Amino acid sequence: MRTILVPLVLAVATLLTAVAHADTLTITSGGAGFNPNIIGANFAGDGFSGFLIDDFGMPSLSSSSPPSGAFSMTLNFGPFWPARLASVQVGSAFCLTVGSIDTNCGSLALTTSGLAGLGATAPFTATGHLNVGDGFDLVGQGTVGAFPYCQTGPGCSNPAVLLNYTFSAPVPAPSSLLLLAAVALEVARKFIIVHRRQTVSGRRIS
């Protein structure tokens, strides 16, 4: 009996851990933008938020086409260089970098497999870490688009590139996993009941 029950309980624990993994913050809303003149971000999730304005921009986007192939853009929440103003908050814990407050509040990398050209969109993933409180890993996902950006005003003949990132909430864990975990728990419960009855009747099976 024990040889069957122990692996079953371990399997249930593994399933529940996969379905409800804790201690990693997940971005569910907000966005970020990169162009040659400015970088900005404003995002949030359950109990946390982040904000960034960097007026140094991303000079590599001055060309008329987005980066070719897979690429990653990074949001640096301090220290002062390159971030001009950045803040992150998790619960009551807060981190700020601005002016003489020279703090590294963390970073977030946005990675995509590539964009076909201006007007194209593609999915992206986000991974990073926030240096607030005890420190928190950060993940996210969404869609990025490449759009023309005129540095000299509307109607320019050779526009640069604006990368616009929009975060979206992740798809909930498949209900099939939750159902499987529930079925496994019920099977384990019945095994225990049968085992107890056999023990009481004097026909215990080892």
N, C-alpha and C. Protein backbone atom coordinates (compact mmCIF):
# COMPACT_ATOMS: atom_id res chain seq x y z
N MET A 1 0.83 -1.21 0.00
CA MET A 1 0.00 0.00 0.00
C MET A 1 0.86 1.26 0.00
N ARG A 2 1.87 1.26 0.86
CA ARG A 2 2.74 2.43 0.98
C ARG A 2 3.48 2.69 -0.32
N THR A 3 3.87 1.61 -1.02
CA THR A 3 4.62 1.77 -2.27
C THR A 3 3.79 2.45 -3.34
N ILE A 4 2.46 2.39 -3.23
CA ILE A 4 1.59 3.06 -4.19
C ILE A 4 1.26 4.48 -3.74
N LEU A 5 0.98 4.63 -2.44
CA LEU A 5 0.50 5.91 -1.92
C LEU A 5 1.56 7.01 -1.93
N VAL A 6 2.78 6.68 -1.54
CA VAL A 6 3.84 7.70 -1.47
C VAL A 6 4.11 8.36 -2.81
N PRO A 7 4.34 7.60 -3.91
CA PRO A 7 4.54 8.25 -5.21
C PRO A 7 3.34 9.08 -5.65
N LEU A 8 2.12 8.62 -5.31
CA LEU A 8 0.92 9.36 -5.67
C LEU A 8 0.88 10.71 -4.99
N VAL A 9 1.18 10.74 -3.69
CA VAL A 9 1.20 12.00 -2.94
C VAL A 9 2.26 12.94 -3.50
N LEU A 10 3.44 12.41 -3.82
CA LEU A 10 4.51 13.23 -4.40
C LEU A 10 4.10 13.80 -5.74
N ALA A 11 3.38 13.01 -6.55
CA ALA A 11 2.93 13.49 -7.85
C ALA A 11 1.94 14.63 -7.69
N VAL A 12 1.02 14.50 -6.72
CA VAL A 12 0.05 15.57 -6.46
C VAL A 12 0.76 16.84 -6.03
N ALA A 13 1.75 16.71 -5.15
CA ALA A 13 2.49 17.89 -4.68
C ALA A 13 3.20 18.57 -5.83
N THR A 14 3.76 17.81 -6.77
CA THR A 14 4.45 18.37 -7.92
C THR A 14 3.47 19.13 -8.81
N LEU A 15 2.28 18.56 -9.03
CA LEU A 15 1.28 19.22 -9.85
C LEU A 15 0.84 20.54 -9.24
N LEU A 16 0.57 20.53 -7.95
CA LEU A 16 0.12 21.75 -7.29
C LEU A 16 1.20 22.81 -7.27
N THR A 17 2.46 22.41 -7.17
CA THR A 17 3.56 23.37 -7.21
C THR A 17 3.67 24.00 -8.58
N ALA A 18 3.48 23.21 -9.63
CA ALA A 18 3.55 23.74 -10.99
C ALA A 18 2.42 24.70 -11.26
N VAL A 19 1.24 24.42 -10.72
CA VAL A 19 0.07 25.27 -10.97
C VAL A 19 0.16 26.57 -10.20
N ALA A 20 0.70 26.53 -8.98
CA ALA A 20 0.70 27.72 -8.12
C ALA A 20 2.11 28.01 -7.62
N HIS A 21 3.01 28.38 -8.52
CA HIS A 21 4.37 28.72 -8.14
C HIS A 21 4.42 30.14 -7.62
N ALA A 22 5.03 30.33 -6.46
CA ALA A 22 4.98 31.63 -5.79
C ALA A 22 6.31 32.36 -5.89
N ASP A 23 6.34 33.58 -5.32
CA ASP A 23 7.54 34.39 -5.13
C ASP A 23 8.08 35.02 -6.41
N THR A 24 7.39 34.95 -7.52
CA THR A 24 7.77 35.65 -8.73
C THR A 24 6.63 36.59 -9.12
N LEU A 25 6.95 37.86 -9.31
CA LEU A 25 5.95 38.85 -9.68
C LEU A 25 5.65 38.75 -11.18
N THR A 26 4.37 38.85 -11.54
CA THR A 26 3.96 38.76 -12.94
C THR A 26 3.28 40.06 -13.36
N ILE A 27 3.82 40.69 -14.39
CA ILE A 27 3.22 41.92 -14.93
C ILE A 27 1.93 41.55 -15.67
N THR A 28 0.85 42.25 -15.37
CA THR A 28 -0.44 41.96 -16.00
C THR A 28 -0.98 43.11 -16.83
N SER A 29 -0.40 44.30 -16.70
CA SER A 29 -0.89 45.44 -17.46
C SER A 29 0.21 46.48 -17.60
N GLY A 30 -0.02 47.41 -18.55
CA GLY A 30 0.95 48.49 -18.75
C GLY A 30 1.67 48.36 -20.07
N GLY A 31 2.75 49.10 -20.21
CA GLY A 31 3.49 49.08 -21.45
C GLY A 31 4.84 49.76 -21.33
N ALA A 32 5.56 49.77 -22.44
CA ALA A 32 6.87 50.42 -22.52
C ALA A 32 7.10 50.90 -23.94
N GLY A 33 7.90 51.94 -24.09
CA GLY A 33 8.21 52.47 -25.41
C GLY A 33 9.66 52.88 -25.53
N PHE A 34 10.23 52.64 -26.70
CA PHE A 34 11.61 53.01 -27.00
C PHE A 34 11.63 53.77 -28.31
N ASN A 35 12.27 54.95 -28.33
CA ASN A 35 12.57 55.64 -29.58
C ASN A 35 13.93 56.33 -29.40
N PRO A 36 14.47 56.98 -30.42
CA PRO A 36 15.82 57.55 -30.29
C PRO A 36 15.94 58.62 -29.21
N ASN A 37 14.83 59.23 -28.79
CA ASN A 37 14.89 60.35 -27.86
C ASN A 37 14.48 60.03 -26.43
N ILE A 38 13.70 58.99 -26.24
CA ILE A 38 13.18 58.73 -24.89
C ILE A 38 12.82 57.26 -24.72
N ILE A 39 12.94 56.79 -23.50
CA ILE A 39 12.48 55.46 -23.10
C ILE A 39 11.50 55.65 -21.94
N GLY A 40 10.38 54.99 -22.01
CA GLY A 40 9.40 55.12 -20.94
C GLY A 40 8.73 53.79 -20.65
N ALA A 41 8.29 53.62 -19.42
CA ALA A 41 7.58 52.40 -19.04
C ALA A 41 6.68 52.69 -17.85
N ASN A 42 5.56 52.02 -17.84
CA ASN A 42 4.62 52.11 -16.73
C ASN A 42 3.85 50.80 -16.69
N PHE A 43 4.08 49.98 -15.67
CA PHE A 43 3.45 48.66 -15.64
C PHE A 43 3.06 48.30 -14.21
N ALA A 44 2.24 47.26 -14.09
CA ALA A 44 1.76 46.86 -12.77
C ALA A 44 1.35 45.40 -12.78
N GLY A 45 1.21 44.86 -11.58
CA GLY A 45 0.71 43.51 -11.37
C GLY A 45 0.07 43.46 -10.01
N ASP A 46 -0.13 42.27 -9.50
CA ASP A 46 -0.80 42.10 -8.21
C ASP A 46 0.08 42.61 -7.07
N GLY A 47 -0.20 43.83 -6.57
CA GLY A 47 0.51 44.38 -5.43
C GLY A 47 1.82 45.05 -5.75
N PHE A 48 2.12 45.33 -7.03
CA PHE A 48 3.38 46.00 -7.36
C PHE A 48 3.20 46.87 -8.61
N SER A 49 4.14 47.79 -8.79
CA SER A 49 4.13 48.66 -9.97
C SER A 49 5.52 49.18 -10.25
N GLY A 50 5.72 49.64 -11.48
CA GLY A 50 7.01 50.22 -11.88
C GLY A 50 6.81 51.37 -12.85
N PHE A 51 7.73 52.35 -12.80
CA PHE A 51 7.64 53.53 -13.66
C PHE A 51 9.05 53.96 -14.04
N LEU A 52 9.21 54.41 -15.30
CA LEU A 52 10.53 54.83 -15.78
C LEU A 52 10.40 55.88 -16.87
N ILE A 53 11.22 56.93 -16.76
CA ILE A 53 11.39 57.90 -17.84
C ILE A 53 12.89 58.13 -18.01
N ASP A 54 13.38 57.86 -19.21
CA ASP A 54 14.80 58.01 -19.52
C ASP A 54 14.93 58.87 -20.78
N ASP A 55 15.35 60.12 -20.62
CA ASP A 55 15.39 61.03 -21.77
C ASP A 55 16.68 60.93 -22.58
N PHE A 56 17.48 59.88 -22.35
CA PHE A 56 18.61 59.63 -23.23
C PHE A 56 18.18 58.84 -24.47
N GLY A 57 17.04 58.16 -24.38
CA GLY A 57 16.51 57.45 -25.53
C GLY A 57 17.35 56.26 -25.94
N MET A 58 17.06 55.76 -27.15
CA MET A 58 17.76 54.62 -27.71
C MET A 58 18.25 54.99 -29.10
N PRO A 59 19.48 55.56 -29.20
CA PRO A 59 20.00 56.04 -30.49
C PRO A 59 20.03 54.98 -31.59
N SER A 60 20.12 53.70 -31.22
CA SER A 60 20.19 52.65 -32.24
C SER A 60 18.90 52.55 -33.05
N LEU A 61 17.82 53.18 -32.59
CA LEU A 61 16.55 53.15 -33.33
C LEU A 61 16.43 54.32 -34.31
N SER A 62 17.51 55.02 -34.56
CA SER A 62 17.48 56.16 -35.48
C SER A 62 17.35 55.72 -36.94
N SER A 63 17.66 54.46 -37.23
CA SER A 63 17.50 53.96 -38.59
C SER A 63 16.02 53.81 -38.92
N SER A 64 15.71 53.56 -40.19
CA SER A 64 14.32 53.51 -40.63
C SER A 64 13.71 52.12 -40.55
N SER A 65 14.38 51.18 -39.94
CA SER A 65 13.84 49.83 -39.81
C SER A 65 14.15 49.29 -38.42
N PRO A 66 13.30 48.43 -37.89
CA PRO A 66 13.54 47.86 -36.56
C PRO A 66 14.72 46.91 -36.58
N PRO A 67 15.25 46.54 -35.41
CA PRO A 67 16.35 45.59 -35.35
C PRO A 67 16.00 44.30 -36.08
N SER A 68 16.98 43.72 -36.76
CA SER A 68 16.74 42.49 -37.50
C SER A 68 16.98 41.27 -36.61
N GLY A 69 16.21 40.21 -36.85
CA GLY A 69 16.38 39.00 -36.07
C GLY A 69 15.90 39.17 -34.63
N ALA A 70 16.22 38.18 -33.82
CA ALA A 70 15.84 38.25 -32.41
C ALA A 70 16.60 39.38 -31.72
N PHE A 71 15.92 40.09 -30.82
CA PHE A 71 16.60 41.17 -30.10
C PHE A 71 15.95 41.37 -28.74
N SER A 72 16.67 42.06 -27.87
CA SER A 72 16.19 42.33 -26.51
C SER A 72 16.45 43.79 -26.18
N MET A 73 15.47 44.46 -25.59
CA MET A 73 15.60 45.83 -25.12
C MET A 73 15.48 45.81 -23.59
N THR A 74 16.31 46.61 -22.92
CA THR A 74 16.35 46.56 -21.46
C THR A 74 15.89 47.87 -20.83
N LEU A 75 15.02 47.74 -19.85
CA LEU A 75 14.62 48.87 -19.02
C LEU A 75 15.47 48.84 -17.76
N ASN A 76 16.28 49.87 -17.55
CA ASN A 76 17.13 49.98 -16.36
C ASN A 76 16.51 50.96 -15.37
N PHE A 77 16.12 50.47 -14.22
CA PHE A 77 15.52 51.32 -13.19
C PHE A 77 16.62 51.84 -12.26
N GLY A 78 17.51 52.63 -12.81
CA GLY A 78 18.64 53.17 -12.09
C GLY A 78 19.87 52.29 -12.26
N PRO A 79 21.03 52.74 -11.74
CA PRO A 79 21.18 54.04 -11.06
C PRO A 79 20.97 55.22 -12.02
N PHE A 80 21.38 56.42 -11.61
CA PHE A 80 21.05 57.64 -12.36
C PHE A 80 21.40 57.53 -13.83
N TRP A 81 22.49 56.87 -14.16
CA TRP A 81 22.83 56.65 -15.57
C TRP A 81 22.50 55.22 -15.93
N PRO A 82 21.60 54.96 -16.90
CA PRO A 82 20.98 55.96 -17.76
C PRO A 82 19.62 56.45 -17.29
N ALA A 83 19.08 55.91 -16.21
CA ALA A 83 17.72 56.28 -15.82
C ALA A 83 17.67 57.70 -15.26
N ARG A 84 16.74 58.49 -15.70
CA ARG A 84 16.53 59.84 -15.20
C ARG A 84 15.53 59.85 -14.05
N LEU A 85 14.49 59.05 -14.17
CA LEU A 85 13.50 58.93 -13.11
C LEU A 85 12.95 57.52 -13.15
N ALA A 86 13.08 56.81 -12.04
CA ALA A 86 12.56 55.45 -11.98
C ALA A 86 12.08 55.16 -10.57
N SER A 87 10.98 54.41 -10.49
CA SER A 87 10.47 53.99 -9.19
C SER A 87 9.82 52.63 -9.33
N VAL A 88 9.98 51.81 -8.31
CA VAL A 88 9.28 50.53 -8.24
C VAL A 88 8.74 50.37 -6.83
N GLN A 89 7.60 49.73 -6.72
CA GLN A 89 6.98 49.51 -5.42
C GLN A 89 6.37 48.12 -5.38
N VAL A 90 6.67 47.40 -4.29
CA VAL A 90 6.07 46.08 -4.05
C VAL A 90 5.48 46.13 -2.64
N GLY A 91 4.16 46.08 -2.56
CA GLY A 91 3.53 46.25 -1.26
C GLY A 91 3.88 47.61 -0.68
N SER A 92 4.42 47.62 0.53
CA SER A 92 4.83 48.88 1.16
C SER A 92 6.29 49.21 0.90
N ALA A 93 7.04 48.30 0.27
CA ALA A 93 8.46 48.53 -0.03
C ALA A 93 8.57 49.38 -1.29
N PHE A 94 9.49 50.37 -1.28
CA PHE A 94 9.57 51.35 -2.35
C PHE A 94 11.03 51.63 -2.69
N CYS A 95 11.31 51.80 -3.98
CA CYS A 95 12.66 52.18 -4.43
C CYS A 95 12.53 53.30 -5.44
N LEU A 96 13.36 54.35 -5.30
CA LEU A 96 13.31 55.52 -6.16
C LEU A 96 14.72 55.93 -6.57
N THR A 97 14.88 56.27 -7.85
CA THR A 97 16.13 56.87 -8.29
C THR A 97 15.81 58.11 -9.12
N VAL A 98 16.28 59.27 -8.67
CA VAL A 98 16.07 60.53 -9.36
C VAL A 98 17.03 61.56 -8.78
N GLY A 99 17.59 62.39 -9.65
CA GLY A 99 18.50 63.43 -9.18
C GLY A 99 19.65 62.87 -8.36
N SER A 100 19.81 63.34 -7.14
CA SER A 100 20.92 62.91 -6.29
C SER A 100 20.66 61.56 -5.62
N ILE A 101 19.43 61.05 -5.74
CA ILE A 101 19.12 59.72 -5.19
C ILE A 101 19.55 58.69 -6.21
N ASP A 102 20.74 58.16 -6.04
CA ASP A 102 21.38 57.31 -7.05
C ASP A 102 21.24 55.85 -6.63
N THR A 103 20.12 55.22 -6.99
CA THR A 103 19.79 53.89 -6.53
C THR A 103 19.54 52.96 -7.71
N ASN A 104 20.00 51.72 -7.61
CA ASN A 104 19.71 50.71 -8.61
C ASN A 104 18.46 49.94 -8.17
N CYS A 105 17.31 50.26 -8.78
CA CYS A 105 16.06 49.63 -8.39
C CYS A 105 15.75 48.37 -9.17
N GLY A 106 16.63 48.00 -10.11
CA GLY A 106 16.43 46.76 -10.85
C GLY A 106 16.43 46.98 -12.35
N SER A 107 16.05 45.94 -13.08
CA SER A 107 16.02 46.02 -14.55
C SER A 107 15.03 45.00 -15.09
N LEU A 108 14.64 45.18 -16.35
CA LEU A 108 13.71 44.29 -17.01
C LEU A 108 14.08 44.19 -18.49
N ALA A 109 14.32 42.97 -18.96
CA ALA A 109 14.68 42.73 -20.36
C ALA A 109 13.46 42.25 -21.13
N LEU A 110 13.21 42.88 -22.28
CA LEU A 110 12.08 42.55 -23.15
C LEU A 110 12.63 41.88 -24.40
N THR A 111 12.29 40.64 -24.63
CA THR A 111 12.90 39.84 -25.70
C THR A 111 11.85 39.36 -26.69
N THR A 112 12.17 39.52 -27.99
CA THR A 112 11.27 39.04 -29.05
C THR A 112 12.09 38.33 -30.12
N SER A 113 11.42 37.48 -30.88
CA SER A 113 12.10 36.71 -31.92
C SER A 113 12.35 37.52 -33.17
N GLY A 114 11.79 38.72 -33.27
CA GLY A 114 12.06 39.58 -34.41
C GLY A 114 10.80 40.23 -34.95
N LEU A 115 10.99 41.31 -35.74
CA LEU A 115 9.90 42.04 -36.37
C LEU A 115 10.17 42.14 -37.86
N ALA A 116 9.13 41.94 -38.67
CA ALA A 116 9.31 41.90 -40.13
C ALA A 116 9.59 43.29 -40.72
N GLY A 117 9.24 44.35 -40.01
CA GLY A 117 9.44 45.70 -40.52
C GLY A 117 8.51 46.66 -39.82
N LEU A 118 8.48 47.92 -40.28
CA LEU A 118 7.58 48.90 -39.69
C LEU A 118 6.13 48.47 -39.89
N GLY A 119 5.34 48.58 -38.84
CA GLY A 119 3.96 48.15 -38.88
C GLY A 119 3.76 46.71 -38.42
N ALA A 120 4.83 45.97 -38.26
CA ALA A 120 4.73 44.57 -37.85
C ALA A 120 4.62 44.47 -36.33
N THR A 121 4.01 43.39 -35.88
CA THR A 121 3.92 43.10 -34.45
C THR A 121 4.40 41.68 -34.19
N ALA A 122 4.77 41.41 -32.94
CA ALA A 122 5.25 40.08 -32.56
C ALA A 122 5.11 39.93 -31.05
N PRO A 123 5.01 38.71 -30.56
CA PRO A 123 4.96 38.50 -29.11
C PRO A 123 6.33 38.74 -28.48
N PHE A 124 6.36 39.10 -27.21
CA PHE A 124 7.61 39.25 -26.48
C PHE A 124 7.44 38.67 -25.09
N THR A 125 8.57 38.35 -24.47
CA THR A 125 8.59 37.92 -23.07
C THR A 125 9.47 38.89 -22.29
N ALA A 126 9.21 39.00 -21.00
CA ALA A 126 9.96 39.91 -20.13
C ALA A 126 10.47 39.16 -18.91
N THR A 127 11.74 39.37 -18.58
CA THR A 127 12.33 38.79 -17.38
C THR A 127 13.22 39.84 -16.73
N GLY A 128 13.20 39.89 -15.40
CA GLY A 128 14.04 40.86 -14.71
C GLY A 128 14.03 40.65 -13.22
N HIS A 129 14.49 41.67 -12.51
CA HIS A 129 14.58 41.61 -11.05
C HIS A 129 14.40 43.01 -10.49
N LEU A 130 13.63 43.11 -9.41
CA LEU A 130 13.43 44.38 -8.73
C LEU A 130 14.18 44.38 -7.41
N ASN A 131 15.01 45.39 -7.20
CA ASN A 131 15.80 45.51 -5.97
C ASN A 131 15.04 46.32 -4.95
N VAL A 132 13.96 45.74 -4.46
CA VAL A 132 13.13 46.40 -3.47
C VAL A 132 12.74 45.36 -2.43
N GLY A 133 12.73 45.76 -1.16
CA GLY A 133 12.48 44.79 -0.10
C GLY A 133 13.55 43.71 -0.11
N ASP A 134 13.12 42.45 -0.08
CA ASP A 134 14.05 41.33 -0.13
C ASP A 134 14.48 41.00 -1.55
N GLY A 135 13.95 41.73 -2.55
CA GLY A 135 14.26 41.45 -3.95
C GLY A 135 13.22 40.51 -4.54
N PHE A 136 12.82 40.78 -5.77
CA PHE A 136 11.78 39.98 -6.42
C PHE A 136 12.13 39.76 -7.88
N ASP A 137 12.00 38.51 -8.35
CA ASP A 137 12.09 38.24 -9.77
C ASP A 137 10.82 38.72 -10.44
N LEU A 138 10.94 39.07 -11.71
CA LEU A 138 9.84 39.70 -12.43
C LEU A 138 9.71 39.07 -13.80
N VAL A 139 8.48 38.73 -14.21
CA VAL A 139 8.24 38.17 -15.54
C VAL A 139 7.02 38.85 -16.15
N GLY A 140 6.91 38.74 -17.47
CA GLY A 140 5.78 39.31 -18.17
C GLY A 140 5.76 38.86 -19.61
N GLN A 141 4.71 39.25 -20.32
CA GLN A 141 4.58 38.90 -21.73
C GLN A 141 3.63 39.89 -22.38
N GLY A 142 3.60 39.86 -23.71
CA GLY A 142 2.70 40.75 -24.42
C GLY A 142 3.06 40.83 -25.88
N THR A 143 2.75 41.98 -26.49
CA THR A 143 2.97 42.19 -27.91
C THR A 143 3.76 43.47 -28.14
N VAL A 144 4.72 43.40 -29.07
CA VAL A 144 5.51 44.58 -29.44
C VAL A 144 5.24 44.91 -30.90
N GLY A 145 5.15 46.21 -31.18
CA GLY A 145 4.98 46.68 -32.55
C GLY A 145 6.02 47.71 -32.91
N ALA A 146 6.40 47.77 -34.17
CA ALA A 146 7.36 48.76 -34.67
C ALA A 146 6.62 49.78 -35.53
N PHE A 147 6.81 51.07 -35.22
CA PHE A 147 6.08 52.11 -35.91
C PHE A 147 7.03 53.25 -36.30
N PRO A 148 6.70 53.99 -37.36
CA PRO A 148 7.56 55.12 -37.74
C PRO A 148 7.50 56.24 -36.71
N TYR A 149 8.64 56.86 -36.49
CA TYR A 149 8.73 57.93 -35.49
C TYR A 149 9.51 59.10 -36.11
N CYS A 150 8.86 60.25 -36.23
CA CYS A 150 9.49 61.42 -36.83
C CYS A 150 10.08 62.31 -35.73
N GLN A 151 11.40 62.41 -35.71
CA GLN A 151 12.07 63.21 -34.70
C GLN A 151 11.92 64.70 -34.95
N THR A 152 11.67 65.09 -36.22
CA THR A 152 11.59 66.50 -36.58
C THR A 152 10.17 67.00 -36.73
N GLY A 153 9.17 66.12 -36.41
CA GLY A 153 7.78 66.52 -36.55
C GLY A 153 7.07 65.66 -37.58
N PRO A 154 5.75 65.83 -37.70
CA PRO A 154 4.96 65.03 -38.63
C PRO A 154 5.41 65.20 -40.08
N GLY A 155 5.29 64.11 -40.84
CA GLY A 155 5.55 64.17 -42.27
C GLY A 155 7.00 64.09 -42.67
N CYS A 156 7.88 63.60 -41.80
CA CYS A 156 9.29 63.50 -42.17
C CYS A 156 9.48 62.42 -43.24
N SER A 157 10.49 62.56 -44.05
CA SER A 157 10.71 61.63 -45.16
C SER A 157 11.52 60.41 -44.75
N ASN A 158 12.22 60.47 -43.64
CA ASN A 158 13.06 59.34 -43.21
C ASN A 158 12.82 59.08 -41.73
N PRO A 159 11.68 58.49 -41.37
CA PRO A 159 11.35 58.32 -39.96
C PRO A 159 12.25 57.31 -39.26
N ALA A 160 12.41 57.51 -37.97
CA ALA A 160 13.12 56.53 -37.14
C ALA A 160 12.11 55.48 -36.68
N VAL A 161 12.48 54.71 -35.67
CA VAL A 161 11.64 53.60 -35.22
C VAL A 161 11.16 53.84 -33.79
N LEU A 162 9.88 53.59 -33.57
CA LEU A 162 9.30 53.54 -32.23
C LEU A 162 8.90 52.10 -31.95
N LEU A 163 9.44 51.53 -30.88
CA LEU A 163 9.03 50.20 -30.44
C LEU A 163 8.04 50.37 -29.30
N ASN A 164 6.84 49.86 -29.50
CA ASN A 164 5.78 49.99 -28.51
C ASN A 164 5.42 48.61 -27.95
N TYR A 165 5.65 48.44 -26.63
CA TYR A 165 5.39 47.17 -25.96
C TYR A 165 4.11 47.28 -25.12
N THR A 166 3.22 46.32 -25.26
CA THR A 166 2.00 46.27 -24.46
C THR A 166 1.96 44.96 -23.69
N PHE A 167 1.92 45.06 -22.36
CA PHE A 167 1.87 43.87 -21.52
C PHE A 167 0.45 43.32 -21.47
N SER A 168 0.35 42.01 -21.33
CA SER A 168 -0.95 41.36 -21.18
C SER A 168 -0.88 40.32 -20.07
N ALA A 169 -2.03 40.05 -19.47
CA ALA A 169 -2.08 39.05 -18.40
C ALA A 169 -1.82 37.66 -18.98
N PRO A 170 -1.08 36.83 -18.26
CA PRO A 170 -0.81 35.48 -18.76
C PRO A 170 -2.07 34.63 -18.77
N VAL A 171 -2.06 33.61 -19.63
CA VAL A 171 -3.18 32.67 -19.69
C VAL A 171 -3.19 31.84 -18.41
N PRO A 172 -4.35 31.70 -17.74
CA PRO A 172 -4.40 30.91 -16.51
C PRO A 172 -3.94 29.48 -16.73
N ALA A 173 -3.51 28.83 -15.67
CA ALA A 173 -3.08 27.44 -15.75
C ALA A 173 -4.21 26.59 -16.32
N PRO A 174 -3.88 25.66 -17.22
CA PRO A 174 -4.92 24.82 -17.84
C PRO A 174 -5.79 24.14 -16.80
N SER A 175 -7.10 24.18 -17.02
CA SER A 175 -8.01 23.55 -16.08
C SER A 175 -7.78 22.05 -15.99
N SER A 176 -7.20 21.47 -17.06
CA SER A 176 -6.93 20.03 -17.04
C SER A 176 -5.93 19.67 -15.95
N LEU A 177 -4.97 20.55 -15.69
CA LEU A 177 -4.00 20.28 -14.63
C LEU A 177 -4.67 20.31 -13.26
N LEU A 178 -5.54 21.30 -13.06
CA LEU A 178 -6.25 21.38 -11.79
C LEU A 178 -7.17 20.18 -11.61
N LEU A 179 -7.81 19.75 -12.70
CA LEU A 179 -8.69 18.58 -12.62
C LEU A 179 -7.88 17.32 -12.30
N LEU A 180 -6.72 17.18 -12.94
CA LEU A 180 -5.88 16.02 -12.68
C LEU A 180 -5.44 15.97 -11.23
N ALA A 181 -5.08 17.14 -10.68
CA ALA A 181 -4.67 17.19 -9.29
C ALA A 181 -5.82 16.80 -8.37
N ALA A 182 -7.03 17.27 -8.69
CA ALA A 182 -8.20 16.93 -7.87
C ALA A 182 -8.49 15.43 -7.93
N VAL A 183 -8.40 14.84 -9.11
CA VAL A 183 -8.63 13.40 -9.26
C VAL A 183 -7.60 12.60 -8.48
N ALA A 184 -6.34 13.03 -8.56
CA ALA A 184 -5.28 12.33 -7.86
C ALA A 184 -5.49 12.38 -6.35
N LEU A 185 -5.93 13.54 -5.85
CA LEU A 185 -6.21 13.66 -4.41
C LEU A 185 -7.35 12.75 -4.00
N GLU A 186 -8.39 12.65 -4.84
CA GLU A 186 -9.53 11.79 -4.52
C GLU A 186 -9.11 10.32 -4.51
N VAL A 187 -8.26 9.93 -5.47
CA VAL A 187 -7.77 8.55 -5.49
C VAL A 187 -6.97 8.25 -4.24
N ALA A 188 -6.12 9.21 -3.83
CA ALA A 188 -5.33 9.03 -2.62
C ALA A 188 -6.23 8.88 -1.39
N ARG A 189 -7.31 9.68 -1.34
CA ARG A 189 -8.24 9.60 -0.22
C ARG A 189 -8.89 8.23 -0.14
N LYS A 190 -9.32 7.69 -1.28
CA LYS A 190 -9.97 6.39 -1.30
C LYS A 190 -9.00 5.27 -0.91
N PHE A 191 -7.73 5.40 -1.35
CA PHE A 191 -6.73 4.42 -0.96
C PHE A 191 -6.59 4.37 0.56
N ILE A 192 -6.59 5.56 1.17
CA ILE A 192 -6.43 5.62 2.63
C ILE A 192 -7.62 4.98 3.33
N ILE A 193 -8.85 5.24 2.82
CA ILE A 193 -10.05 4.66 3.42
C ILE A 193 -10.01 3.14 3.33
N VAL A 194 -9.69 2.61 2.15
CA VAL A 194 -9.62 1.16 1.96
C VAL A 194 -8.56 0.56 2.86
N HIS A 195 -7.41 1.22 2.95
CA HIS A 195 -6.32 0.72 3.77
C HIS A 195 -6.74 0.62 5.24
N ARG A 196 -7.45 1.64 5.74
CA ARG A 196 -7.90 1.64 7.13
C ARG A 196 -8.91 0.51 7.38
N ARG A 197 -9.85 0.29 6.44
CA ARG A 197 -10.84 -0.76 6.60
C ARG A 197 -10.17 -2.15 6.64
N GLN A 198 -9.17 -2.33 5.77
CA GLN A 198 -8.49 -3.62 5.73
C GLN A 198 -7.69 -3.85 7.01
N THR A 199 -7.16 -2.77 7.59
CA THR A 199 -6.41 -2.88 8.84
C THR A 199 -7.34 -3.27 9.99
N VAL A 200 -8.52 -2.62 10.04
CA VAL A 200 -9.47 -2.90 11.10
C VAL A 200 -10.00 -4.34 11.01
N SER A 201 -10.22 -4.83 9.80
CA SER A 201 -10.76 -6.18 9.62
C SER A 201 -9.72 -7.26 9.77
N GLY A 202 -8.47 -6.86 10.02
CA GLY A 202 -7.40 -7.83 10.21
C GLY A 202 -6.81 -8.37 8.93
N ARG A 203 -7.12 -7.71 7.81
CA ARG A 203 -6.58 -8.16 6.53
C ARG A 203 -5.69 -7.09 5.94
N ARG A 204 -4.79 -6.56 6.74
CA ARG A 204 -3.92 -5.47 6.30
C ARG A 204 -2.98 -5.92 5.19
N ILE A 205 -2.89 -5.12 4.16
CA ILE A 205 -2.02 -5.42 3.04
C ILE A 205 -0.83 -4.48 3.08
N SER A 206 0.40 -4.98 3.13
CA SER A 206 1.58 -4.13 3.24
C SER A 206 2.06 -3.69 1.87
